[in-house]
Protein backbone atom coordinates (compact mmCIF):
# COMPACT_ATOMS: atom_id res chain seq x y z
CA UNK A 1 -22.06 162.90 -40.21
CA UNK A 2 -23.99 160.18 -38.45
CA UNK A 3 -26.61 160.44 -35.83
CA UNK A 4 -24.23 158.87 -33.22
CA UNK A 5 -21.53 161.23 -34.04
CA UNK A 6 -23.95 164.20 -33.67
CA UNK A 7 -24.92 162.94 -30.43
CA UNK A 8 -21.32 162.50 -29.17
CA UNK A 9 -20.45 165.96 -30.42
CA UNK A 10 -23.42 167.62 -28.74
CA UNK A 11 -22.51 165.88 -25.49
CA UNK A 12 -19.00 166.96 -25.67
CA UNK A 13 -19.99 170.55 -26.51
CA UNK A 14 -22.30 170.64 -23.44
CA UNK A 15 -19.40 169.22 -21.30
CA UNK A 16 -16.97 171.80 -22.67
CA UNK A 17 -19.49 174.69 -21.77
CA UNK A 18 -19.79 173.20 -18.27
CA UNK A 19 -15.92 173.05 -18.06
CA UNK A 20 -15.76 176.73 -19.04
CA UNK A 21 -18.27 177.57 -16.43
CA UNK A 22 -16.23 175.74 -13.88
CA UNK A 23 -13.08 177.61 -14.68
CA UNK A 24 -14.89 180.86 -14.66
CA UNK A 25 -16.40 180.18 -11.28
CA UNK A 26 -13.16 178.97 -9.96
CA UNK A 27 -11.26 182.14 -11.12
CA UNK A 28 -13.71 184.45 -9.42
CA UNK A 29 -14.19 182.49 -6.19
CA UNK A 30 -10.38 181.95 -5.66
CA UNK A 31 -9.57 185.59 -6.39
CA UNK A 32 -12.39 186.92 -4.07
CA UNK A 33 -11.87 184.69 -1.12
CA UNK A 34 -11.17 186.40 2.13
CA UNK A 35 -7.46 186.08 2.74
CA UNK A 36 -7.52 186.93 6.36
CA UNK A 37 -10.32 184.36 7.15
CA UNK A 38 -8.37 181.91 5.12
CA UNK A 39 -5.26 182.48 7.22
CA UNK A 40 -7.27 182.02 10.40
CA UNK A 41 -8.71 178.70 9.04
CA UNK A 42 -5.26 177.46 8.04
CA UNK A 43 -4.01 178.15 11.65
CA UNK A 44 -6.90 176.00 12.70
CA UNK A 45 -5.40 173.26 10.48
CA UNK A 46 -8.21 173.11 7.86
CA UNK A 47 -6.79 171.14 4.96
CA UNK A 48 -8.70 172.98 2.29
CA UNK A 49 -7.44 176.31 3.71
CA UNK A 50 -3.83 175.18 3.73
CA UNK A 51 -4.14 173.93 0.15
CA UNK A 52 -5.71 177.20 -0.91
CA UNK A 53 -3.13 179.26 0.68
CA UNK A 54 -0.45 177.35 -1.07
CA UNK A 55 -2.20 178.02 -4.47
CA UNK A 56 -2.60 181.61 -3.73
CA UNK A 57 1.03 182.21 -2.97
CA UNK A 58 1.72 181.85 -6.68
CA UNK A 59 -1.24 183.67 -8.47
CA UNK A 60 0.68 183.38 -11.72
CA UNK A 61 0.47 179.58 -11.74
CA UNK A 62 -3.11 179.61 -10.40
CA UNK A 63 -4.44 181.94 -13.10
CA UNK A 64 -2.33 180.16 -15.64
CA UNK A 65 -3.94 176.76 -15.09
CA UNK A 66 -7.46 178.40 -14.89
CA UNK A 67 -7.10 180.55 -18.08
CA UNK A 68 -5.46 177.58 -20.00
CA UNK A 69 -8.32 175.42 -19.08
CA UNK A 70 -10.96 178.10 -19.89
CA UNK A 71 -9.30 178.99 -23.19
CA UNK A 72 -9.10 175.52 -24.20
CA UNK A 73 -12.65 174.86 -23.37
CA UNK A 74 -13.98 177.78 -25.22
CA UNK A 75 -12.02 177.44 -28.39
CA UNK A 76 -12.87 173.55 -28.64
CA UNK A 77 -16.54 174.38 -27.90
CA UNK A 78 -16.58 176.95 -30.64
CA UNK A 79 -15.03 174.51 -33.26
CA UNK A 80 -17.54 171.77 -32.31
CA UNK A 81 -20.46 174.34 -32.48
CA UNK A 82 -19.35 175.50 -35.84
CA UNK A 83 -18.91 171.90 -37.11
CA UNK A 84 -22.52 170.96 -35.97
CA UNK A 85 -23.99 174.08 -37.46
CA UNK A 86 -22.24 173.57 -40.76
CA UNK A 87 -23.73 170.07 -40.83
CA UNK A 88 -27.35 171.40 -40.35
CA UNK A 89 -27.42 174.76 -42.16
CA UNK A 90 -24.33 174.70 -44.41
CA UNK A 91 -22.34 177.93 -44.84
CA UNK A 92 -24.71 180.18 -42.88
CA UNK A 93 -24.34 177.76 -40.07
CA UNK A 94 -20.87 179.18 -39.10
CA UNK A 95 -22.22 182.62 -38.51
CA UNK A 96 -25.26 181.26 -36.60
CA UNK A 97 -23.01 179.10 -34.32
CA UNK A 98 -20.77 182.11 -33.52
CA UNK A 99 -23.79 184.21 -32.42
CA UNK A 100 -25.50 181.34 -30.59
CA UNK A 101 -22.48 180.21 -28.69
CA UNK A 102 -21.41 183.77 -27.90
CA UNK A 103 -24.81 184.19 -26.05
CA UNK A 104 -24.67 180.83 -24.36
CA UNK A 105 -21.06 181.14 -23.11
CA UNK A 106 -21.70 184.64 -22.01
CA UNK A 107 -24.73 183.70 -19.91
CA UNK A 108 -24.09 180.18 -18.77
CA UNK A 109 -20.27 179.96 -18.76
CA UNK A 110 -19.31 183.55 -17.68
CA UNK A 111 -21.95 185.87 -15.98
CA UNK A 112 -23.92 183.24 -14.19
CA UNK A 113 -21.05 181.26 -12.52
CA UNK A 114 -18.96 184.36 -11.83
CA UNK A 115 -21.96 185.99 -10.08
CA UNK A 116 -22.44 182.91 -8.01
CA UNK A 117 -18.77 182.74 -7.09
CA UNK A 118 -18.60 186.55 -6.28
CA UNK A 119 -21.58 186.17 -3.83
CA UNK A 120 -20.37 182.82 -2.24
CA UNK A 121 -16.43 182.98 -2.73
CA UNK A 122 -15.78 180.92 0.43
CA UNK A 123 -18.17 177.90 -0.58
CA UNK A 124 -16.91 178.13 -4.13
CA UNK A 125 -13.25 178.02 -3.19
CA UNK A 126 -13.75 175.10 -0.92
CA UNK A 127 -15.37 173.11 -3.95
CA UNK A 128 -12.84 174.02 -6.58
CA UNK A 129 -9.44 173.87 -4.65
CA UNK A 130 -8.97 170.14 -5.07
CA UNK A 131 -9.95 169.79 -8.75
CA UNK A 132 -7.66 172.90 -9.64
CA UNK A 133 -4.79 171.23 -7.65
CA UNK A 134 -5.17 168.06 -9.75
CA UNK A 135 -5.44 169.92 -12.95
CA UNK A 136 -2.34 171.97 -12.14
CA UNK A 137 -0.30 168.78 -11.48
CA UNK A 138 -1.52 167.17 -14.61
CA UNK A 139 -0.84 170.15 -16.91
CA UNK A 140 2.18 171.61 -14.94
CA UNK A 141 4.74 171.46 -17.97
CA UNK A 142 2.27 173.53 -20.06
CA UNK A 143 1.45 175.97 -17.20
CA UNK A 144 5.22 176.31 -16.34
CA UNK A 145 6.02 177.15 -20.00
CA UNK A 146 3.17 179.75 -20.32
CA UNK A 147 4.23 181.23 -17.05
CA UNK A 148 7.84 181.47 -18.00
CA UNK A 149 6.96 183.39 -21.11
CA UNK A 150 4.51 185.65 -19.26
CA UNK A 151 6.79 186.26 -16.26
CA UNK A 152 9.52 187.12 -18.64
CA UNK A 153 7.45 189.88 -20.20
CA UNK A 154 6.47 191.15 -16.65
CA UNK A 155 9.98 191.44 -15.71
CA UNK A 156 10.60 193.78 -18.62
CA UNK A 157 7.91 195.98 -16.98
CA UNK A 158 9.63 195.58 -13.59
CA UNK A 159 6.78 193.50 -12.16
CA UNK A 160 8.03 190.74 -9.88
CA UNK A 161 5.55 187.89 -9.57
CA UNK A 162 7.53 185.99 -6.80
CA UNK A 163 7.48 189.08 -4.50
CA UNK A 164 3.76 189.17 -4.30
CA UNK A 165 2.55 189.28 -0.64
CA UNK A 166 -0.85 190.03 1.00
CA UNK A 167 -1.03 193.74 1.79
CA UNK A 168 -1.52 194.46 5.54
CA UNK A 169 -4.65 196.30 6.75
CA UNK A 170 -4.32 199.76 7.79
CA UNK A 171 -5.78 201.05 11.12
CA UNK A 172 -8.80 202.74 9.35
CA UNK A 173 -9.47 199.44 7.41
CA UNK A 174 -9.30 197.60 10.69
CA UNK A 175 -11.86 200.02 12.13
CA UNK A 176 -14.14 199.27 9.08
CA UNK A 177 -13.87 195.58 9.76
CA UNK A 178 -14.80 196.04 13.40
CA UNK A 179 -17.75 198.11 12.45
CA UNK A 180 -18.90 195.31 10.15
CA UNK A 181 -18.98 192.94 13.22
CA UNK A 182 -22.24 194.67 14.43
CA UNK A 183 -24.46 191.81 15.45
CA UNK A 184 -21.74 189.29 15.58
CA UNK A 185 -20.07 190.49 18.82
CA UNK A 186 -21.56 192.71 21.56
CA UNK A 187 -21.41 196.40 21.40
CA UNK A 188 -19.24 196.48 24.51
CA UNK A 189 -16.47 194.42 22.86
CA UNK A 190 -16.87 196.37 19.65
CA UNK A 191 -16.14 199.62 21.49
CA UNK A 192 -13.28 198.08 23.29
CA UNK A 193 -11.67 196.96 19.93
CA UNK A 194 -12.28 200.52 18.40
CA UNK A 195 -10.76 202.10 21.64
CA UNK A 196 -7.64 200.08 21.25
CA UNK A 197 -7.32 201.06 17.58
CA UNK A 198 -7.72 204.79 18.83
CA UNK A 199 -4.94 204.64 21.41
CA UNK A 200 -2.16 205.63 18.92
CA UNK A 201 -4.20 208.79 18.03
CA UNK A 202 -4.79 209.86 21.52
CA UNK A 203 -2.44 211.57 23.86
CA UNK A 204 -2.07 211.74 27.68
CA UNK A 205 -3.91 215.07 27.54
CA UNK A 206 -6.98 213.36 26.21
CA UNK A 207 -7.55 211.18 29.30
CA UNK A 208 -5.81 213.03 32.16
CA UNK A 209 -7.57 214.48 35.21
CA UNK A 210 -7.23 218.23 34.62
CA UNK A 211 -5.29 220.13 37.05
CA UNK A 212 -8.10 221.94 38.66
CA UNK A 213 -9.79 218.46 39.41
CA UNK A 214 -6.82 216.92 41.08
CA UNK A 215 -7.47 215.91 44.58
CA UNK A 216 -4.28 215.90 46.74
CA UNK A 217 -2.86 216.52 50.24
CA UNK A 218 -1.05 219.70 51.18
CA UNK A 219 1.81 218.71 53.57
CA UNK A 220 1.80 222.20 54.96
CA UNK A 221 -1.49 221.40 56.83
CA UNK A 222 -1.80 220.14 60.35
CA UNK A 223 -1.62 216.25 60.88
CA UNK A 224 -5.26 216.15 61.88
CA UNK A 225 -6.39 217.93 58.75
CA UNK A 226 -4.41 215.62 56.61
CA UNK A 227 -5.89 212.41 58.33
CA UNK A 228 -9.40 213.77 57.77
CA UNK A 229 -8.47 214.23 54.13
CA UNK A 230 -6.97 210.84 53.78
CA UNK A 231 -10.11 209.27 55.28
CA UNK A 232 -12.38 211.08 52.88
CA UNK A 233 -10.31 210.38 49.62
CA UNK A 234 -11.50 207.47 47.51
CA UNK A 235 -8.68 207.54 44.93
CA UNK A 236 -6.08 204.79 45.04
CA UNK A 237 -3.09 207.15 44.35
CA UNK A 238 -3.01 210.67 45.89
CA UNK A 239 -0.55 213.43 45.13
CA UNK A 240 1.20 215.14 48.03
CA UNK A 241 2.28 218.64 47.46
CA UNK A 242 3.69 221.77 49.32
CA UNK A 243 1.28 224.75 49.13
CA UNK A 244 0.06 223.97 45.56
CA UNK A 245 0.01 221.20 43.07
CA UNK A 246 3.04 222.51 41.18
CA UNK A 247 5.14 221.68 44.15
CA UNK A 248 4.61 217.92 44.13
CA UNK A 249 6.83 216.02 46.68
CA UNK A 250 5.49 212.55 46.13
CA UNK A 251 2.55 210.15 45.49
CA UNK A 252 0.80 208.32 48.31
CA UNK A 253 -0.81 204.85 48.12
CA UNK A 254 -3.79 205.56 50.38
CA UNK A 255 -4.51 201.83 51.27
CA UNK A 256 -1.07 201.39 52.97
CA UNK A 257 -1.61 204.64 54.95
CA UNK A 258 -5.18 203.76 56.07
CA UNK A 259 -4.12 200.22 57.03
CA UNK A 260 -1.29 201.73 59.19
CA UNK A 261 -3.62 204.20 60.73
CA UNK A 262 -5.97 201.51 61.95
CA UNK A 263 -3.08 199.54 63.49
CA UNK A 264 -0.77 202.28 64.82
CA UNK A 265 -1.70 205.51 66.58
CA UNK A 266 1.80 206.89 66.52
CA UNK A 267 1.84 207.68 62.91
CA UNK A 268 2.65 211.36 62.27
CA UNK A 269 3.43 213.74 59.44
CA UNK A 270 7.16 213.00 59.61
CA UNK A 271 6.70 209.18 59.36
CA UNK A 272 4.22 209.69 56.33
CA UNK A 273 7.36 210.53 54.17
CA UNK A 274 8.45 207.05 54.14
CA UNK A 275 5.26 205.95 52.23
CA UNK A 276 5.74 208.61 49.56
CA UNK A 277 6.78 207.37 45.99
CA UNK A 278 8.85 209.61 43.92
CA UNK A 279 6.70 211.66 41.44
CA UNK A 280 6.86 210.68 37.77
CA UNK A 281 6.38 213.42 35.10
CA UNK A 282 5.44 212.99 31.44
CA UNK A 283 5.52 215.67 28.84
CA UNK A 284 2.16 216.98 27.41
CA UNK A 285 1.33 215.42 23.98
CA UNK A 286 2.79 211.92 24.73
CA UNK A 287 0.99 209.25 22.85
CA UNK A 288 -1.16 207.14 24.98
CA UNK A 289 0.00 203.68 23.78
CA UNK A 290 3.51 204.88 24.45
CA UNK A 291 2.51 205.94 28.06
CA UNK A 292 0.70 202.57 28.49
CA UNK A 293 3.83 200.58 27.47
CA UNK A 294 5.73 202.55 30.11
CA UNK A 295 3.29 201.75 32.77
CA UNK A 296 3.58 198.05 31.92
CA UNK A 297 7.43 198.06 32.14
CA UNK A 298 7.58 200.34 35.23
CA UNK A 299 6.41 200.15 38.81
CA UNK A 300 4.95 203.68 38.56
CA UNK A 301 1.19 203.61 37.92
CA UNK A 302 0.68 207.35 38.04
CA UNK A 303 2.12 210.15 36.18
CA UNK A 304 1.87 214.06 36.12
CA UNK A 305 1.40 215.67 32.79
CA UNK A 306 3.51 218.87 32.52
CA UNK A 307 3.81 221.51 29.77
CA UNK A 308 6.88 222.88 28.06
CA UNK A 309 7.39 225.20 31.06
CA UNK A 310 7.17 222.36 33.60
CA UNK A 311 3.71 223.39 34.96
CA UNK A 312 1.51 220.61 35.90
CA UNK A 313 -1.53 220.19 33.45
CA UNK A 314 -3.07 217.07 34.84
CA UNK A 315 -2.76 213.64 36.44
CA UNK A 316 -2.74 210.37 34.70
CA UNK A 317 -3.07 206.83 36.13
CA UNK A 318 -3.00 203.38 34.60
CA UNK A 319 -6.73 202.99 35.43
CA UNK A 320 -7.50 206.12 33.26
CA UNK A 321 -5.89 204.40 30.29
CA UNK A 322 -7.70 201.05 30.93
CA UNK A 323 -10.91 202.86 31.26
CA UNK A 324 -10.47 204.52 27.97
CA UNK A 325 -10.35 200.96 26.57
CA UNK A 326 -12.90 199.10 28.62
CA UNK A 327 -15.01 201.84 30.06
CA UNK A 328 -15.57 202.89 33.69
CA UNK A 329 -14.77 200.09 36.15
CA UNK A 330 -17.29 200.97 38.95
CA UNK A 331 -19.70 203.50 37.28
CA UNK A 332 -19.71 205.55 40.45
CA UNK A 333 -17.67 208.48 39.18
CA UNK A 334 -19.51 208.48 35.84
CA UNK A 335 -22.83 208.45 37.51
CA UNK A 336 -22.10 211.64 39.46
CA UNK A 337 -20.66 213.44 36.45
CA UNK A 338 -23.43 212.71 34.05
CA UNK A 339 -27.26 212.21 34.70
CA UNK A 340 -29.82 211.17 32.10
CA UNK A 341 -33.14 213.27 32.39
CA UNK A 342 -36.70 212.11 31.56
CA UNK A 343 -36.57 214.23 28.27
CA UNK A 344 -33.42 212.33 27.20
CA UNK A 345 -31.19 215.24 27.90
CA UNK A 346 -28.16 214.96 30.14
CA UNK A 347 -26.83 216.94 33.07
CA UNK A 348 -23.06 216.75 32.68
CA UNK A 349 -20.12 218.04 34.61
CA UNK A 350 -18.23 220.55 32.60
CA UNK A 351 -14.90 218.85 33.50
CA UNK A 352 -16.04 215.57 31.74
CA UNK A 353 -14.15 214.92 28.59
CA UNK A 354 -16.01 215.01 25.26
CA UNK A 355 -14.80 211.53 24.37
CA UNK A 356 -16.23 210.07 27.62
CA UNK A 357 -19.46 211.87 26.95
CA UNK A 358 -19.72 210.64 23.34
CA UNK A 359 -18.92 207.05 24.48
CA UNK A 360 -21.59 207.00 27.19
CA UNK A 361 -24.28 208.62 25.11
CA UNK A 362 -23.35 207.41 21.73
CA UNK A 363 -23.66 211.10 20.51
CA UNK A 364 -21.19 212.96 18.35
CA UNK A 365 -20.04 216.23 19.81
CA UNK A 366 -17.01 217.45 17.93
CA UNK A 367 -13.69 216.02 19.20
CA UNK A 368 -11.37 218.37 17.38
CA UNK A 369 -10.17 221.23 19.60
CA UNK A 370 -11.22 221.30 23.25
CA UNK A 371 -11.08 218.08 25.27
CA UNK A 372 -13.80 218.90 27.87
CA UNK A 373 -17.40 220.01 27.81
CA UNK A 374 -16.35 223.30 29.44
CA UNK A 375 -13.76 224.00 26.90
CA UNK A 376 -16.14 223.13 24.13
CA UNK A 377 -18.83 225.46 25.28
CA UNK A 378 -16.46 228.45 25.95
CA UNK A 379 -14.90 228.02 22.57
CA UNK A 380 -18.32 228.17 20.89
CA UNK A 381 -19.36 231.16 23.06
CA UNK A 382 -16.07 233.04 22.46
CA UNK A 383 -16.70 234.72 25.82
CA UNK A 384 -16.77 233.88 29.54
CA UNK A 385 -19.70 231.60 30.39
CA UNK A 386 -22.82 232.62 32.34
CA UNK A 387 -25.60 230.50 33.87
CA UNK A 388 -28.75 230.36 31.71
CA UNK A 389 -26.90 230.78 28.45
CA UNK A 390 -28.02 228.55 25.72
CA UNK A 391 -25.95 227.58 22.63
CA UNK A 392 -26.12 225.27 19.70
CA UNK A 393 -23.09 222.94 19.17
CA UNK A 394 -23.02 220.63 16.07
CA UNK A 395 -26.83 220.45 16.33
CA UNK A 396 -27.04 219.72 20.06
CA UNK A 397 -28.72 222.43 22.13
CA UNK A 398 -26.68 223.19 25.20
CA UNK A 399 -27.64 225.12 28.25
CA UNK A 400 -25.23 226.39 30.98
CA UNK A 401 -26.67 225.40 34.29
CA UNK A 402 -23.89 226.43 36.78
CA UNK A 403 -20.75 228.34 36.56
CA UNK A 404 -17.83 228.64 38.98
CA UNK A 405 -14.70 230.61 38.63
CA UNK A 406 -15.48 231.36 35.01
CA UNK A 407 -15.77 227.75 34.15
CA UNK A 408 -18.83 225.72 33.24
CA UNK A 409 -19.39 223.57 36.21
CA UNK A 410 -22.73 221.99 34.96
CA UNK A 411 -24.35 221.95 31.60
CA UNK A 412 -27.58 220.46 30.15
CA UNK A 413 -27.11 219.01 26.67
CA UNK A 414 -30.28 217.91 24.67
CA UNK A 415 -30.54 215.33 21.94
CA UNK A 416 -29.53 216.54 18.36
CA UNK A 417 -32.06 218.49 16.34
CA UNK A 418 -33.24 216.75 13.29
CA UNK A 419 -31.63 218.00 10.12
CA UNK A 420 -28.95 220.02 11.92
CA UNK A 421 -25.27 219.34 11.90
């Protein structure tokens, strides 16, 4: 073997190792690329993304051309290395070539390129997509024949290659993706996205105004008393009932009435009935996203939650659902119901929901079971609450500050103790 032949064979051997490294890098990069990001880029008319999605639709062809090229490069490199080693060291050269080439291929044509591709799959896929497309076109007959045999064997195992589709993400997987966006989008938007994903898990009971907190107008009272109530109510929708909340006769849009009171002085209790809207009732346990869809389709923007016996359990408005997603609109109500103290503890209204408290404080009071702070404390106490009683809930010290009608009116909740759960 002449010096020129040795130089040519050595150069070809080096090129084959580089070719094997290219195919190894392409295999890992193309298989590890983020499919959802790729779809987004394809919608943005990025050419490489469109080409790449086309390749990934048939993974059998993509892997076929990569593995054919990789196998060809490795086997030919092995033959050339054996030939060169035999020329220099005789019969012992074949064994030395096998050992040496195995080490070189493993490091430089497998581990190193695949590691780089696994770390930077998007960058690698952009670089290799065009060469892989060209190679696939050049060697399509060979790839087609290999795939035909392989797919035939897979069909015997009831594996359909053509039915391959990208598996959709579950809700919990979407939540994980949103959590991973920390630092890329604001915390406010992140919480909004998480709240939207949680809508299907929530019911109207989780966000309704409890029955004992419903502010309404008793039609049995005098007109003068009713006018005073209307002027002091800050709610947009007010229930009108007879004697008690269970006897709802309608819903009043306060802005219309206030505007009429300013213009006309002849308005009375009888004429008030023309402004009442028919009450809408929804069964307890209705999914929040179902109720939101109803509010979108209907003119009703307020609903009364009733139990199986028809007893009213609470009041729900469209704003309550929207605030569950985006947070409180004005902050006025929230500010009255929860107050931060200098020692980082909170004075909190017992009627506040645990979900709202956790969202505002970023704490983790248990959500399973009772929905309100009052319910949570009473459940932990297993007895009627008394002012001054202290209790530890999930590592958070809680003190009952004020009690009214056997309910916790105000409580003070301190930061979680270290090492407690």
